[in-house]
Amino acid sequence: MIFTLAGGIIIAIGGLGPALGIGLIGAKAVEAIGRNPEASGKIMVNMLIAMAFAEAIAIYSLIFAFTK
């Protein structure tokens, strides 16, 4: 019982930070492309790399929550 509750808390907290980070990364990338459309290729590549790093943190918390 306690492990299930702890796993849920780990996933909730571990997913909150990356979700906010990915949202901010996407918003700022769209804002930057709106200001400078010519640089959209470089901005998109950097955005996708940053989102992948942020998502990795959520995946680590998911793995940690399911290993007891």
N, C-alpha and C. Protein backbone atom coordinates (compact mmCIF):
# COMPACT_ATOMS: atom_id res chain seq x y z
N MET A 1 0.82 -1.20 0.00
CA MET A 1 0.00 0.00 0.00
C MET A 1 0.86 1.26 0.00
N ILE A 2 1.84 1.29 0.90
CA ILE A 2 2.67 2.49 1.01
C ILE A 2 3.53 2.67 -0.24
N PHE A 3 3.96 1.53 -0.85
CA PHE A 3 4.78 1.64 -2.06
C PHE A 3 3.96 2.18 -3.23
N THR A 4 2.69 1.81 -3.29
CA THR A 4 1.82 2.32 -4.35
C THR A 4 1.60 3.82 -4.19
N LEU A 5 1.37 4.24 -2.98
CA LEU A 5 1.19 5.67 -2.72
C LEU A 5 2.47 6.45 -3.01
N ALA A 6 3.59 5.91 -2.60
CA ALA A 6 4.87 6.57 -2.85
C ALA A 6 5.15 6.65 -4.35
N GLY A 7 4.83 5.58 -5.08
CA GLY A 7 5.02 5.59 -6.53
C GLY A 7 4.16 6.65 -7.21
N GLY A 8 2.93 6.80 -6.76
CA GLY A 8 2.06 7.83 -7.32
C GLY A 8 2.57 9.23 -7.04
N ILE A 9 3.08 9.45 -5.85
CA ILE A 9 3.63 10.77 -5.51
C ILE A 9 4.88 11.06 -6.32
N ILE A 10 5.73 10.04 -6.50
CA ILE A 10 6.95 10.22 -7.30
C ILE A 10 6.59 10.59 -8.73
N ILE A 11 5.62 9.90 -9.31
CA ILE A 11 5.23 10.19 -10.69
C ILE A 11 4.62 11.59 -10.79
N ALA A 12 3.80 11.96 -9.82
CA ALA A 12 3.15 13.28 -9.86
C ALA A 12 4.17 14.40 -9.76
N ILE A 13 5.06 14.31 -8.80
CA ILE A 13 6.06 15.37 -8.64
C ILE A 13 7.10 15.31 -9.75
N GLY A 14 7.49 14.08 -10.13
CA GLY A 14 8.48 13.93 -11.19
C GLY A 14 7.96 14.32 -12.56
N GLY A 15 6.68 14.34 -12.76
CA GLY A 15 6.11 14.74 -14.04
C GLY A 15 5.73 16.20 -14.11
N LEU A 16 5.57 16.83 -12.95
CA LEU A 16 5.15 18.23 -12.92
C LEU A 16 6.23 19.16 -13.45
N GLY A 17 7.44 18.98 -12.99
CA GLY A 17 8.55 19.85 -13.43
C GLY A 17 8.81 19.76 -14.93
N PRO A 18 8.99 18.54 -15.46
CA PRO A 18 9.20 18.44 -16.91
C PRO A 18 8.02 18.95 -17.74
N ALA A 19 6.79 18.77 -17.25
CA ALA A 19 5.64 19.28 -17.99
C ALA A 19 5.67 20.80 -18.09
N LEU A 20 5.97 21.45 -16.97
CA LEU A 20 6.09 22.91 -17.00
C LEU A 20 7.26 23.35 -17.87
N GLY A 21 8.37 22.64 -17.77
CA GLY A 21 9.55 22.97 -18.57
C GLY A 21 9.30 22.83 -20.06
N ILE A 22 8.67 21.75 -20.46
CA ILE A 22 8.38 21.53 -21.87
C ILE A 22 7.41 22.59 -22.38
N GLY A 23 6.43 22.95 -21.58
CA GLY A 23 5.50 24.00 -21.98
C GLY A 23 6.19 25.34 -22.18
N LEU A 24 7.08 25.68 -21.26
CA LEU A 24 7.82 26.95 -21.39
C LEU A 24 8.77 26.93 -22.57
N ILE A 25 9.44 25.80 -22.80
CA ILE A 25 10.34 25.68 -23.94
C ILE A 25 9.57 25.88 -25.24
N GLY A 26 8.43 25.22 -25.36
CA GLY A 26 7.62 25.35 -26.58
C GLY A 26 7.09 26.76 -26.77
N ALA A 27 6.64 27.39 -25.70
CA ALA A 27 6.11 28.75 -25.80
C ALA A 27 7.19 29.74 -26.22
N LYS A 28 8.36 29.62 -25.62
CA LYS A 28 9.44 30.54 -25.97
C LYS A 28 9.97 30.29 -27.38
N ALA A 29 9.96 29.03 -27.82
CA ALA A 29 10.40 28.74 -29.18
C ALA A 29 9.44 29.33 -30.20
N VAL A 30 8.14 29.20 -29.96
CA VAL A 30 7.16 29.78 -30.88
C VAL A 30 7.27 31.30 -30.89
N GLU A 31 7.49 31.88 -29.72
CA GLU A 31 7.68 33.32 -29.62
C GLU A 31 8.93 33.77 -30.40
N ALA A 32 10.01 33.00 -30.28
CA ALA A 32 11.24 33.35 -30.99
C ALA A 32 11.07 33.20 -32.50
N ILE A 33 10.35 32.18 -32.94
CA ILE A 33 10.10 32.00 -34.37
C ILE A 33 9.23 33.13 -34.89
N GLY A 34 8.29 33.59 -34.10
CA GLY A 34 7.46 34.73 -34.50
C GLY A 34 8.26 36.00 -34.68
N ARG A 35 9.28 36.19 -33.85
CA ARG A 35 10.13 37.37 -33.97
C ARG A 35 11.12 37.25 -35.12
N ASN A 36 11.63 36.03 -35.35
CA ASN A 36 12.67 35.83 -36.36
C ASN A 36 12.38 34.54 -37.14
N PRO A 37 11.49 34.62 -38.13
CA PRO A 37 11.10 33.41 -38.87
C PRO A 37 12.24 32.76 -39.66
N GLU A 38 13.25 33.53 -40.02
CA GLU A 38 14.35 32.97 -40.79
C GLU A 38 15.17 31.96 -39.99
N ALA A 39 15.16 32.09 -38.68
CA ALA A 39 15.94 31.20 -37.82
C ALA A 39 15.12 30.03 -37.30
N SER A 40 14.01 29.74 -37.94
CA SER A 40 13.12 28.69 -37.42
C SER A 40 13.77 27.32 -37.41
N GLY A 41 14.63 27.03 -38.37
CA GLY A 41 15.30 25.73 -38.41
C GLY A 41 16.17 25.50 -37.20
N LYS A 42 17.00 26.48 -36.87
CA LYS A 42 17.89 26.35 -35.72
C LYS A 42 17.10 26.34 -34.41
N ILE A 43 16.06 27.15 -34.35
CA ILE A 43 15.26 27.21 -33.12
C ILE A 43 14.54 25.89 -32.89
N MET A 44 13.99 25.30 -33.94
CA MET A 44 13.27 24.04 -33.79
C MET A 44 14.18 22.91 -33.33
N VAL A 45 15.39 22.84 -33.89
CA VAL A 45 16.33 21.80 -33.49
C VAL A 45 16.68 21.94 -32.01
N ASN A 46 17.01 23.16 -31.60
CA ASN A 46 17.35 23.39 -30.19
C ASN A 46 16.16 23.13 -29.28
N MET A 47 14.96 23.47 -29.75
CA MET A 47 13.76 23.23 -28.95
C MET A 47 13.55 21.73 -28.74
N LEU A 48 13.69 20.94 -29.80
CA LEU A 48 13.47 19.51 -29.68
C LEU A 48 14.50 18.84 -28.77
N ILE A 49 15.75 19.29 -28.84
CA ILE A 49 16.78 18.74 -27.96
C ILE A 49 16.47 19.09 -26.51
N ALA A 50 16.09 20.33 -26.25
CA ALA A 50 15.77 20.74 -24.88
C ALA A 50 14.55 19.99 -24.36
N MET A 51 13.55 19.77 -25.21
CA MET A 51 12.37 19.01 -24.78
C MET A 51 12.73 17.56 -24.48
N ALA A 52 13.64 16.98 -25.25
CA ALA A 52 14.05 15.60 -25.00
C ALA A 52 14.76 15.49 -23.65
N PHE A 53 15.61 16.46 -23.32
CA PHE A 53 16.29 16.43 -22.02
C PHE A 53 15.28 16.59 -20.88
N ALA A 54 14.30 17.46 -21.06
CA ALA A 54 13.29 17.65 -20.02
C ALA A 54 12.43 16.40 -19.87
N GLU A 55 12.11 15.75 -20.97
CA GLU A 55 11.29 14.54 -20.91
C GLU A 55 12.05 13.39 -20.26
N ALA A 56 13.36 13.38 -20.40
CA ALA A 56 14.16 12.32 -19.79
C ALA A 56 14.00 12.32 -18.27
N ILE A 57 13.86 13.49 -17.68
CA ILE A 57 13.67 13.57 -16.22
C ILE A 57 12.35 12.90 -15.83
N ALA A 58 11.32 13.10 -16.61
CA ALA A 58 10.03 12.46 -16.33
C ALA A 58 10.13 10.94 -16.49
N ILE A 59 10.88 10.50 -17.48
CA ILE A 59 11.05 9.06 -17.68
C ILE A 59 11.83 8.44 -16.53
N TYR A 60 12.85 9.15 -16.03
CA TYR A 60 13.61 8.66 -14.88
C TYR A 60 12.71 8.52 -13.65
N SER A 61 11.84 9.48 -13.43
CA SER A 61 10.95 9.38 -12.27
C SER A 61 9.94 8.25 -12.45
N LEU A 62 9.51 8.00 -13.67
CA LEU A 62 8.60 6.89 -13.94
C LEU A 62 9.28 5.56 -13.65
N ILE A 63 10.51 5.42 -14.11
CA ILE A 63 11.27 4.19 -13.85
C ILE A 63 11.50 4.02 -12.35
N PHE A 64 11.87 5.09 -11.69
CA PHE A 64 12.14 5.03 -10.25
C PHE A 64 10.88 4.67 -9.47
N ALA A 65 9.73 5.13 -9.94
CA ALA A 65 8.48 4.85 -9.22
C ALA A 65 8.08 3.38 -9.33
N PHE A 66 8.41 2.74 -10.45
CA PHE A 66 7.99 1.36 -10.64
C PHE A 66 9.02 0.34 -10.18
N THR A 67 10.21 0.77 -9.79
CA THR A 67 11.18 -0.15 -9.21
C THR A 67 11.09 -0.06 -7.70
N LYS A 68 10.89 -1.15 -7.07
CA LYS A 68 10.68 -1.13 -5.62
C LYS A 68 11.85 -1.76 -4.91
